[in-house]
Amino acid sequence: MKTLQKTQKIVRYQNHGKVYFGIVEEDEIVQLSSNFTEIVNNELKYDGVTVKYRDVKILEPVVPSKIVNFGWTYAEHAKETGGQANLREPFLFLKPASSIIPDQGEIILPSSDLTKQVEMEGEVALVIGKRGKNIKEEEALDYVFGCTVFNDITARDLTKSDPQFTRGKGFDTFGPLGPCIVTGIDPTNLRIVTTLNGKVVQEGNTNEMSLSIPFLISWISQVMTLEPGDILATGSPSGSCPMQSGDTVVVEVEQIGKLCNYVK
């Protein structure tokens, strides 16, 4: 049995009808027989199989018990969507697990009877590695197993009209996630770039957030217990804009990679 190295790219994928976790090494995946809990506990069980990345179906990197979203953590994005960055506590909402789709998955636009303005929001997402409640801010990053890329798809007309964000954020396929979890990187200084059909529409860095990531982890742990595999989406920089059927949206975060999805 081997232990997890400091920085690794971990994917969850399907191969010959079975689901595995694996370590990405260039264009190949070293297949693991470990489950997620074993991986976060540094118990890597290699089964001797190596597959080509292109030959398998990449899935969501984790299946969380909850997806916690922090809103308006970037001042300019808060302003452009009718809000205001709060320097004391974040705006909070949850997404259902049914919203998650993987890299290369399709974002299904709801009927125009339901919403007429669907936008992207590229973000860094934290993957929790151990159970935590009432976490101290100075210990908060110890609870992060790794980072991944998230696209907080939003029906903007509904979030502006509804008293809360559940409907506008909660449609099926409104939570692209992946393609991998990267361990051993600092989430407080990561560049985010979102493109729509190849054009840059969002660009920012987590060091520009109005509230720090350790604060957000500590703050939410006072409300709810964090469990291994939970996703904390840290918020979006400015530049969110509408998407149409046929569009391709790519969220790229340095040190992690690109999350690419197609609008249907």
C-alpha atoms as a PDB file:
ATOM      1  CA  MET A   1       0.000   0.000   0.000  1.00  0.00           C
ATOM      2  CA  LYS A   2       1.303   3.447  -0.956  1.00  0.00           C
ATOM      3  CA  THR A   3       0.450   6.899   0.377  1.00  0.00           C
ATOM      4  CA  LEU A   4      -0.803   9.878  -1.574  1.00  0.00           C
ATOM      5  CA  GLN A   5       1.937  12.177  -2.785  1.00  0.00           C
ATOM      6  CA  LYS A   6       1.652  15.881  -2.025  1.00  0.00           C
ATOM      7  CA  THR A   7       0.246  16.901  -5.416  1.00  0.00           C
ATOM      8  CA  GLN A   8      -1.798  14.441  -7.444  1.00  0.00           C
ATOM      9  CA  LYS A   9      -4.568  14.662 -10.030  1.00  0.00           C
ATOM     10  CA  ILE A  10      -7.321  12.229  -9.134  1.00  0.00           C
ATOM     11  CA  VAL A  11     -10.144  11.310 -11.504  1.00  0.00           C
ATOM     12  CA  ARG A  12     -13.234   9.157 -11.215  1.00  0.00           C
ATOM     13  CA  TYR A  13     -14.045   7.345 -14.428  1.00  0.00           C
ATOM     14  CA  GLN A  14     -15.878   4.495 -16.095  1.00  0.00           C
ATOM     15  CA  ASN A  15     -14.026   1.720 -17.886  1.00  0.00           C
ATOM     16  CA  HIS A  16     -15.714  -1.398 -19.287  1.00  0.00           C
ATOM     17  CA  GLY A  17     -18.866  -0.663 -17.310  1.00  0.00           C
ATOM     18  CA  LYS A  18     -17.146  -0.274 -13.936  1.00  0.00           C
ATOM     19  CA  VAL A  19     -16.315   2.889 -11.996  1.00  0.00           C
ATOM     20  CA  TYR A  20     -12.801   3.521 -10.668  1.00  0.00           C
ATOM     21  CA  PHE A  21     -10.652   6.222  -9.172  1.00  0.00           C
ATOM     22  CA  GLY A  22      -7.242   6.811 -10.704  1.00  0.00           C
ATOM     23  CA  ILE A  23      -4.138   8.996 -10.643  1.00  0.00           C
ATOM     24  CA  VAL A  24      -3.504  11.016 -13.806  1.00  0.00           C
ATOM     25  CA  GLU A  25       0.034  10.777 -15.167  1.00  0.00           C
ATOM     26  CA  GLU A  26       0.348  12.768 -18.409  1.00  0.00           C
ATOM     27  CA  ASP A  27      -2.008  11.055 -20.904  1.00  0.00           C
ATOM     28  CA  GLU A  28      -2.556   7.946 -18.792  1.00  0.00           C
ATOM     29  CA  ILE A  29      -4.472   7.004 -15.653  1.00  0.00           C
ATOM     30  CA  VAL A  30      -3.036   4.657 -13.047  1.00  0.00           C
ATOM     31  CA  GLN A  31      -6.085   2.737 -11.912  1.00  0.00           C
ATOM     32  CA  LEU A  32      -6.878   2.374  -8.203  1.00  0.00           C
ATOM     33  CA  SER A  33      -9.000  -0.146  -6.358  1.00  0.00           C
ATOM     34  CA  SER A  34      -9.340   2.357  -3.484  1.00  0.00           C
ATOM     35  CA  ASN A  35     -12.641   4.082  -2.806  1.00  0.00           C
ATOM     36  CA  PHE A  36     -12.824   7.817  -2.054  1.00  0.00           C
ATOM     37  CA  THR A  37     -12.655   7.376   1.713  1.00  0.00           C
ATOM     38  CA  GLU A  38      -9.529   5.244   1.421  1.00  0.00           C
ATOM     39  CA  ILE A  39      -7.906   7.787  -0.885  1.00  0.00           C
ATOM     40  CA  VAL A  40      -8.474  10.710   1.478  1.00  0.00           C
ATOM     41  CA  ASN A  41      -6.968   8.573   4.246  1.00  0.00           C
ATOM     42  CA  ASN A  42      -3.833   8.095   2.121  1.00  0.00           C
ATOM     43  CA  GLU A  43      -4.620   4.451   1.396  1.00  0.00           C
ATOM     44  CA  LEU A  44      -3.848   4.040  -2.301  1.00  0.00           C
ATOM     45  CA  LYS A  45      -4.420   0.534  -3.590  1.00  0.00           C
ATOM     46  CA  TYR A  46      -2.966   0.142  -7.065  1.00  0.00           C
ATOM     47  CA  ASP A  47      -4.455  -2.730  -9.044  1.00  0.00           C
ATOM     48  CA  GLY A  48      -1.743  -2.864 -11.704  1.00  0.00           C
ATOM     49  CA  VAL A  49      -3.854  -1.450 -14.554  1.00  0.00           C
ATOM     50  CA  THR A  50      -2.969   1.653 -16.578  1.00  0.00           C
ATOM     51  CA  VAL A  51      -5.424   3.097 -19.095  1.00  0.00           C
ATOM     52  CA  LYS A  52      -5.271   5.895 -21.642  1.00  0.00           C
ATOM     53  CA  TYR A  53      -7.149   9.014 -20.519  1.00  0.00           C
ATOM     54  CA  ARG A  54      -8.829   9.290 -23.903  1.00  0.00           C
ATOM     55  CA  ASP A  55     -10.140   5.715 -23.767  1.00  0.00           C
ATOM     56  CA  VAL A  56     -12.315   6.060 -20.658  1.00  0.00           C
ATOM     57  CA  LYS A  57     -15.357   8.115 -19.696  1.00  0.00           C
ATOM     58  CA  ILE A  58     -14.472  10.781 -17.145  1.00  0.00           C
ATOM     59  CA  LEU A  59     -17.166  11.134 -14.483  1.00  0.00           C
ATOM     60  CA  GLU A  60     -17.803  13.695 -11.775  1.00  0.00           C
ATOM     61  CA  PRO A  61     -14.704  13.455  -9.545  1.00  0.00           C
ATOM     62  CA  VAL A  62     -16.801  12.872  -6.414  1.00  0.00           C
ATOM     63  CA  VAL A  63     -20.454  12.330  -5.475  1.00  0.00           C
ATOM     64  CA  PRO A  64     -21.049  14.771  -2.598  1.00  0.00           C
ATOM     65  CA  SER A  65     -23.628  14.650   0.164  1.00  0.00           C
ATOM     66  CA  LYS A  66     -24.085  18.383  -0.365  1.00  0.00           C
ATOM     67  CA  ILE A  67     -22.938  21.225  -2.604  1.00  0.00           C
ATOM     68  CA  VAL A  68     -22.487  24.415  -0.595  1.00  0.00           C
ATOM     69  CA  ASN A  69     -22.251  27.602  -2.629  1.00  0.00           C
ATOM     70  CA  PHE A  70     -20.902  30.922  -1.424  1.00  0.00           C
ATOM     71  CA  GLY A  71     -22.288  33.823  -3.408  1.00  0.00           C
ATOM     72  CA  TRP A  72     -21.091  37.388  -3.986  1.00  0.00           C
ATOM     73  CA  THR A  73     -17.585  36.686  -2.705  1.00  0.00           C
ATOM     74  CA  TYR A  74     -16.149  38.831  -5.541  1.00  0.00           C
ATOM     75  CA  ALA A  75     -17.220  42.470  -5.315  1.00  0.00           C
ATOM     76  CA  GLU A  76     -17.567  43.111  -9.070  1.00  0.00           C
ATOM     77  CA  HIS A  77     -19.658  39.983  -9.654  1.00  0.00           C
ATOM     78  CA  ALA A  78     -21.922  40.913  -6.766  1.00  0.00           C
ATOM     79  CA  LYS A  79     -22.409  44.350  -8.295  1.00  0.00           C
ATOM     80  CA  GLU A  80     -23.129  43.073 -11.809  1.00  0.00           C
ATOM     81  CA  THR A  81     -25.817  40.675 -10.508  1.00  0.00           C
ATOM     82  CA  GLY A  82     -27.583  43.170  -8.290  1.00  0.00           C
ATOM     83  CA  GLY A  83     -25.929  42.327  -4.983  1.00  0.00           C
ATOM     84  CA  GLN A  84     -23.158  43.618  -2.778  1.00  0.00           C
ATOM     85  CA  ALA A  85     -20.127  41.847  -1.359  1.00  0.00           C
ATOM     86  CA  ASN A  86     -20.468  41.453   2.400  1.00  0.00           C
ATOM     87  CA  LEU A  87     -17.239  41.765   4.344  1.00  0.00           C
ATOM     88  CA  ARG A  88     -18.712  40.003   7.384  1.00  0.00           C
ATOM     89  CA  GLU A  89     -20.395  36.881   5.995  1.00  0.00           C
ATOM     90  CA  PRO A  90     -21.193  35.318   2.595  1.00  0.00           C
ATOM     91  CA  PHE A  91     -24.447  34.893   0.755  1.00  0.00           C
ATOM     92  CA  LEU A  92     -25.267  31.173   1.009  1.00  0.00           C
ATOM     93  CA  PHE A  93     -27.220  28.656  -1.080  1.00  0.00           C
ATOM     94  CA  LEU A  94     -27.187  24.925  -1.812  1.00  0.00           C
ATOM     95  CA  LYS A  95     -27.383  22.980  -5.053  1.00  0.00           C
ATOM     96  CA  PRO A  96     -28.859  19.474  -5.317  1.00  0.00           C
ATOM     97  CA  ALA A  97     -26.636  16.542  -6.295  1.00  0.00           C
ATOM     98  CA  SER A  98     -28.866  16.105  -9.366  1.00  0.00           C
ATOM     99  CA  SER A  99     -27.383  19.314 -10.793  1.00  0.00           C
ATOM    100  CA  ILE A 100     -23.919  17.763 -11.203  1.00  0.00           C
ATOM    101  CA  ILE A 101     -22.568  16.760 -14.613  1.00  0.00           C
ATOM    102  CA  PRO A 102     -18.977  15.858 -15.541  1.00  0.00           C
ATOM    103  CA  ASP A 103     -16.435  17.367 -17.889  1.00  0.00           C
ATOM    104  CA  GLN A 104     -17.688  17.086 -21.497  1.00  0.00           C
ATOM    105  CA  GLY A 105     -21.273  16.764 -20.251  1.00  0.00           C
ATOM    106  CA  GLU A 106     -24.239  18.656 -21.677  1.00  0.00           C
ATOM    107  CA  ILE A 107     -25.858  21.626 -19.957  1.00  0.00           C
ATOM    108  CA  ILE A 108     -29.568  21.276 -20.720  1.00  0.00           C
ATOM    109  CA  LEU A 109     -31.331  24.610 -20.985  1.00  0.00           C
ATOM    110  CA  PRO A 110     -34.789  24.573 -19.366  1.00  0.00           C
ATOM    111  CA  SER A 111     -37.834  25.469 -21.375  1.00  0.00           C
ATOM    112  CA  SER A 112     -38.172  29.163 -22.189  1.00  0.00           C
ATOM    113  CA  ASP A 113     -41.435  29.018 -20.239  1.00  0.00           C
ATOM    114  CA  LEU A 114     -39.298  28.532 -17.125  1.00  0.00           C
ATOM    115  CA  THR A 115     -36.310  30.794 -17.758  1.00  0.00           C
ATOM    116  CA  LYS A 116     -35.027  33.008 -20.539  1.00  0.00           C
ATOM    117  CA  GLN A 117     -31.576  33.926 -19.172  1.00  0.00           C
ATOM    118  CA  VAL A 118     -29.138  31.150 -18.265  1.00  0.00           C
ATOM    119  CA  GLU A 119     -25.569  32.187 -17.428  1.00  0.00           C
ATOM    120  CA  MET A 120     -22.271  30.562 -16.456  1.00  0.00           C
ATOM    121  CA  GLU A 121     -20.193  31.261 -13.345  1.00  0.00           C
ATOM    122  CA  GLY A 122     -16.694  29.760 -13.296  1.00  0.00           C
ATOM    123  CA  GLU A 123     -15.413  28.926  -9.820  1.00  0.00           C
ATOM    124  CA  VAL A 124     -12.878  27.050  -7.732  1.00  0.00           C
ATOM    125  CA  ALA A 125     -14.487  24.274  -5.687  1.00  0.00           C
ATOM    126  CA  LEU A 126     -13.050  22.728  -2.541  1.00  0.00           C
ATOM    127  CA  VAL A 127     -13.447  19.011  -1.856  1.00  0.00           C
ATOM    128  CA  ILE A 128     -13.690  18.281   1.861  1.00  0.00           C
ATOM    129  CA  GLY A 129     -11.468  15.461   3.094  1.00  0.00           C
ATOM    130  CA  LYS A 130     -12.541  14.889   6.687  1.00  0.00           C
ATOM    131  CA  ARG A 131     -15.553  15.414   8.912  1.00  0.00           C
ATOM    132  CA  GLY A 132     -15.597  18.807  10.568  1.00  0.00           C
ATOM    133  CA  LYS A 133     -17.799  20.924  12.825  1.00  0.00           C
ATOM    134  CA  ASN A 134     -16.979  24.301  14.390  1.00  0.00           C
ATOM    135  CA  ILE A 135     -13.662  24.375  12.570  1.00  0.00           C
ATOM    136  CA  LYS A 136     -11.154  27.006  13.611  1.00  0.00           C
ATOM    137  CA  GLU A 137     -10.166  29.377  10.807  1.00  0.00           C
ATOM    138  CA  GLU A 138      -6.455  28.704  11.314  1.00  0.00           C
ATOM    139  CA  GLU A 139      -7.109  24.960  10.870  1.00  0.00           C
ATOM    140  CA  ALA A 140      -9.620  25.228   8.026  1.00  0.00           C
ATOM    141  CA  LEU A 141      -7.354  24.290   5.107  1.00  0.00           C
ATOM    142  CA  ASP A 142      -6.479  21.026   6.898  1.00  0.00           C
ATOM    143  CA  TYR A 143     -10.031  19.902   6.073  1.00  0.00           C
ATOM    144  CA  VAL A 144      -9.583  20.408   2.311  1.00  0.00           C
ATOM    145  CA  PHE A 145      -8.634  17.228   0.464  1.00  0.00           C
ATOM    146  CA  GLY A 146      -8.181  18.995  -2.856  1.00  0.00           C
ATOM    147  CA  CYS A 147      -9.563  21.454  -5.388  1.00  0.00           C
ATOM    148  CA  THR A 148     -11.565  21.071  -8.565  1.00  0.00           C
ATOM    149  CA  VAL A 149     -13.354  23.281 -11.108  1.00  0.00           C
ATOM    150  CA  PHE A 150     -17.028  24.196 -10.846  1.00  0.00           C
ATOM    151  CA  ASN A 151     -19.476  26.002 -13.105  1.00  0.00           C
ATOM    152  CA  ASP A 152     -22.385  27.452 -11.156  1.00  0.00           C
ATOM    153  CA  ILE A 153     -24.960  27.602 -13.951  1.00  0.00           C
ATOM    154  CA  THR A 154     -27.621  30.146 -13.055  1.00  0.00           C
ATOM    155  CA  ALA A 155     -31.059  31.110 -14.346  1.00  0.00           C
ATOM    156  CA  ARG A 156     -30.410  34.798 -13.741  1.00  0.00           C
ATOM    157  CA  ASP A 157     -33.952  35.981 -14.321  1.00  0.00           C
ATOM    158  CA  LEU A 158     -35.168  33.581 -11.617  1.00  0.00           C
ATOM    159  CA  THR A 159     -32.538  34.525  -9.032  1.00  0.00           C
ATOM    160  CA  LYS A 160     -33.574  38.140  -9.542  1.00  0.00           C
ATOM    161  CA  SER A 161     -37.302  37.438  -9.201  1.00  0.00           C
ATOM    162  CA  ASP A 162     -37.397  34.690  -6.548  1.00  0.00           C
ATOM    163  CA  PRO A 163     -36.941  35.482  -2.830  1.00  0.00           C
ATOM    164  CA  GLN A 164     -34.182  32.852  -2.661  1.00  0.00           C
ATOM    165  CA  PHE A 165     -31.880  31.136  -5.182  1.00  0.00           C
ATOM    166  CA  THR A 166     -32.949  27.472  -5.044  1.00  0.00           C
ATOM    167  CA  ARG A 167     -34.929  27.384  -8.273  1.00  0.00           C
ATOM    168  CA  GLY A 168     -32.561  29.529 -10.327  1.00  0.00           C
ATOM    169  CA  LYS A 169     -29.543  27.486  -9.269  1.00  0.00           C
ATOM    170  CA  GLY A 170     -31.031  24.022  -8.906  1.00  0.00           C
ATOM    171  CA  PHE A 171     -32.020  22.756 -12.366  1.00  0.00           C
ATOM    172  CA  ASP A 172     -30.625  19.417 -13.494  1.00  0.00           C
ATOM    173  CA  THR A 173     -27.198  19.834 -15.214  1.00  0.00           C
ATOM    174  CA  PHE A 174     -26.646  23.260 -13.569  1.00  0.00           C
ATOM    175  CA  GLY A 175     -23.533  22.065 -11.710  1.00  0.00           C
ATOM    176  CA  PRO A 176     -20.687  21.005 -14.042  1.00  0.00           C
ATOM    177  CA  LEU A 177     -17.809  19.675 -11.907  1.00  0.00           C
ATOM    178  CA  GLY A 178     -14.332  18.346 -12.687  1.00  0.00           C
ATOM    179  CA  PRO A 179     -12.477  17.012 -14.471  1.00  0.00           C
ATOM    180  CA  CYS A 180     -10.219  16.061 -11.552  1.00  0.00           C
ATOM    181  CA  ILE A 181      -9.412  16.722  -7.915  1.00  0.00           C
ATOM    182  CA  VAL A 182      -5.946  18.149  -7.397  1.00  0.00           C
ATOM    183  CA  THR A 183      -4.362  17.672  -3.995  1.00  0.00           C
ATOM    184  CA  GLY A 184      -1.624  19.710  -2.361  1.00  0.00           C
ATOM    185  CA  ILE A 185      -2.304  23.115  -3.934  1.00  0.00           C
ATOM    186  CA  ASP A 186      -3.108  26.444  -2.299  1.00  0.00           C
ATOM    187  CA  PRO A 187      -6.744  27.390  -3.076  1.00  0.00           C
ATOM    188  CA  THR A 188      -6.247  30.994  -1.957  1.00  0.00           C
ATOM    189  CA  ASN A 189      -4.274  32.040  -5.053  1.00  0.00           C
ATOM    190  CA  LEU A 190      -5.691  30.383  -8.175  1.00  0.00           C
ATOM    191  CA  ARG A 191      -6.425  32.116 -11.483  1.00  0.00           C
ATOM    192  CA  ILE A 192      -9.848  31.444 -13.042  1.00  0.00           C
ATOM    193  CA  VAL A 193     -10.609  32.009 -16.736  1.00  0.00           C
ATOM    194  CA  THR A 194     -13.980  31.257 -18.343  1.00  0.00           C
ATOM    195  CA  THR A 195     -14.437  31.248 -22.115  1.00  0.00           C
ATOM    196  CA  LEU A 196     -17.625  31.142 -24.153  1.00  0.00           C
ATOM    197  CA  ASN A 197     -17.065  29.780 -27.652  1.00  0.00           C
ATOM    198  CA  GLY A 198     -13.374  30.567 -27.258  1.00  0.00           C
ATOM    199  CA  LYS A 199     -13.847  34.172 -26.086  1.00  0.00           C
ATOM    200  CA  VAL A 200     -12.721  35.105 -22.573  1.00  0.00           C
ATOM    201  CA  VAL A 201     -15.718  36.346 -20.576  1.00  0.00           C
ATOM    202  CA  GLN A 202     -14.506  35.881 -16.991  1.00  0.00           C
ATOM    203  CA  GLU A 203     -11.069  36.300 -15.485  1.00  0.00           C
ATOM    204  CA  GLY A 204     -10.143  36.509 -11.823  1.00  0.00           C
ATOM    205  CA  ASN A 205      -8.152  35.050  -8.953  1.00  0.00           C
ATOM    206  CA  THR A 206      -9.212  33.616  -5.607  1.00  0.00           C
ATOM    207  CA  ASN A 207      -6.881  36.134  -3.962  1.00  0.00           C
ATOM    208  CA  GLU A 208      -9.417  38.805  -4.978  1.00  0.00           C
ATOM    209  CA  MET A 209     -12.224  37.368  -2.859  1.00  0.00           C
ATOM    210  CA  SER A 210     -13.823  39.685  -0.313  1.00  0.00           C
ATOM    211  CA  LEU A 211     -13.859  36.863   2.262  1.00  0.00           C
ATOM    212  CA  SER A 212     -10.989  34.410   2.671  1.00  0.00           C
ATOM    213  CA  ILE A 213     -11.372  30.700   1.946  1.00  0.00           C
ATOM    214  CA  PRO A 214     -10.323  29.672   5.492  1.00  0.00           C
ATOM    215  CA  PHE A 215     -12.988  32.033   6.848  1.00  0.00           C
ATOM    216  CA  LEU A 216     -15.655  30.510   4.577  1.00  0.00           C
ATOM    217  CA  ILE A 217     -14.813  26.967   5.687  1.00  0.00           C
ATOM    218  CA  SER A 218     -14.886  27.931   9.346  1.00  0.00           C
ATOM    219  CA  TRP A 219     -18.080  29.964   8.924  1.00  0.00           C
ATOM    220  CA  ILE A 220     -20.106  27.228   7.215  1.00  0.00           C
ATOM    221  CA  SER A 221     -18.899  24.606   9.700  1.00  0.00           C
ATOM    222  CA  GLN A 222     -20.642  26.562  12.436  1.00  0.00           C
ATOM    223  CA  VAL A 223     -23.899  25.939  10.548  1.00  0.00           C
ATOM    224  CA  MET A 224     -23.547  22.388   9.218  1.00  0.00           C
ATOM    225  CA  THR A 225     -21.191  19.480   9.661  1.00  0.00           C
ATOM    226  CA  LEU A 226     -18.877  19.044   6.694  1.00  0.00           C
ATOM    227  CA  GLU A 227     -18.455  15.477   5.444  1.00  0.00           C
ATOM    228  CA  PRO A 228     -15.755  13.897   3.256  1.00  0.00           C
ATOM    229  CA  GLY A 229     -16.596  14.533  -0.396  1.00  0.00           C
ATOM    230  CA  ASP A 230     -18.692  17.641   0.239  1.00  0.00           C
ATOM    231  CA  ILE A 231     -18.216  20.412  -2.322  1.00  0.00           C
ATOM    232  CA  LEU A 232     -17.731  24.041  -1.298  1.00  0.00           C
ATOM    233  CA  ALA A 233     -18.028  26.324  -4.334  1.00  0.00           C
ATOM    234  CA  THR A 234     -16.182  29.537  -3.513  1.00  0.00           C
ATOM    235  CA  GLY A 235     -17.929  32.028  -5.788  1.00  0.00           C
ATOM    236  CA  SER A 236     -17.441  33.590  -9.190  1.00  0.00           C
ATOM    237  CA  PRO A 237     -15.512  36.580 -10.520  1.00  0.00           C
ATOM    238  CA  SER A 238     -17.274  39.104 -12.730  1.00  0.00           C
ATOM    239  CA  GLY A 239     -18.198  38.544 -16.362  1.00  0.00           C
ATOM    240  CA  SER A 240     -21.077  36.088 -16.126  1.00  0.00           C
ATOM    241  CA  CYS A 241     -23.121  36.239 -19.322  1.00  0.00           C
ATOM    242  CA  PRO A 242     -25.953  34.372 -21.091  1.00  0.00           C
ATOM    243  CA  MET A 243     -25.455  31.067 -22.904  1.00  0.00           C
ATOM    244  CA  GLN A 244     -27.397  29.730 -25.865  1.00  0.00           C
ATOM    245  CA  SER A 245     -27.984  26.288 -27.319  1.00  0.00           C
ATOM    246  CA  GLY A 246     -24.914  25.235 -29.301  1.00  0.00           C
ATOM    247  CA  ASP A 247     -22.456  27.160 -27.127  1.00  0.00           C
ATOM    248  CA  THR A 248     -19.318  25.694 -25.578  1.00  0.00           C
ATOM    249  CA  VAL A 249     -18.253  26.954 -22.157  1.00  0.00           C
ATOM    250  CA  VAL A 250     -14.837  26.227 -20.653  1.00  0.00           C
ATOM    251  CA  VAL A 251     -13.761  27.089 -17.115  1.00  0.00           C
ATOM    252  CA  GLU A 252     -10.000  26.814 -16.592  1.00  0.00           C
ATOM    253  CA  VAL A 253      -8.315  27.047 -13.211  1.00  0.00           C
ATOM    254  CA  GLU A 254      -4.532  27.090 -13.015  1.00  0.00           C
ATOM    255  CA  GLN A 255      -2.921  23.969 -11.558  1.00  0.00           C
ATOM    256  CA  ILE A 256      -6.210  22.055 -11.967  1.00  0.00           C
ATOM    257  CA  GLY A 257      -7.240  22.091 -15.624  1.00  0.00           C
ATOM    258  CA  LYS A 258     -10.179  22.766 -17.918  1.00  0.00           C
ATOM    259  CA  LEU A 259     -13.844  21.936 -17.371  1.00  0.00           C
ATOM    260  CA  CYS A 260     -15.558  21.897 -20.771  1.00  0.00           C
ATOM    261  CA  ASN A 261     -19.307  21.613 -21.297  1.00  0.00           C
ATOM    262  CA  TYR A 262     -21.726  21.949 -24.184  1.00  0.00           C
ATOM    263  CA  VAL A 263     -25.018  23.836 -24.061  1.00  0.00           C
ATOM    264  CA  LYS A 264     -27.996  21.989 -25.481  1.00  0.00           C
END
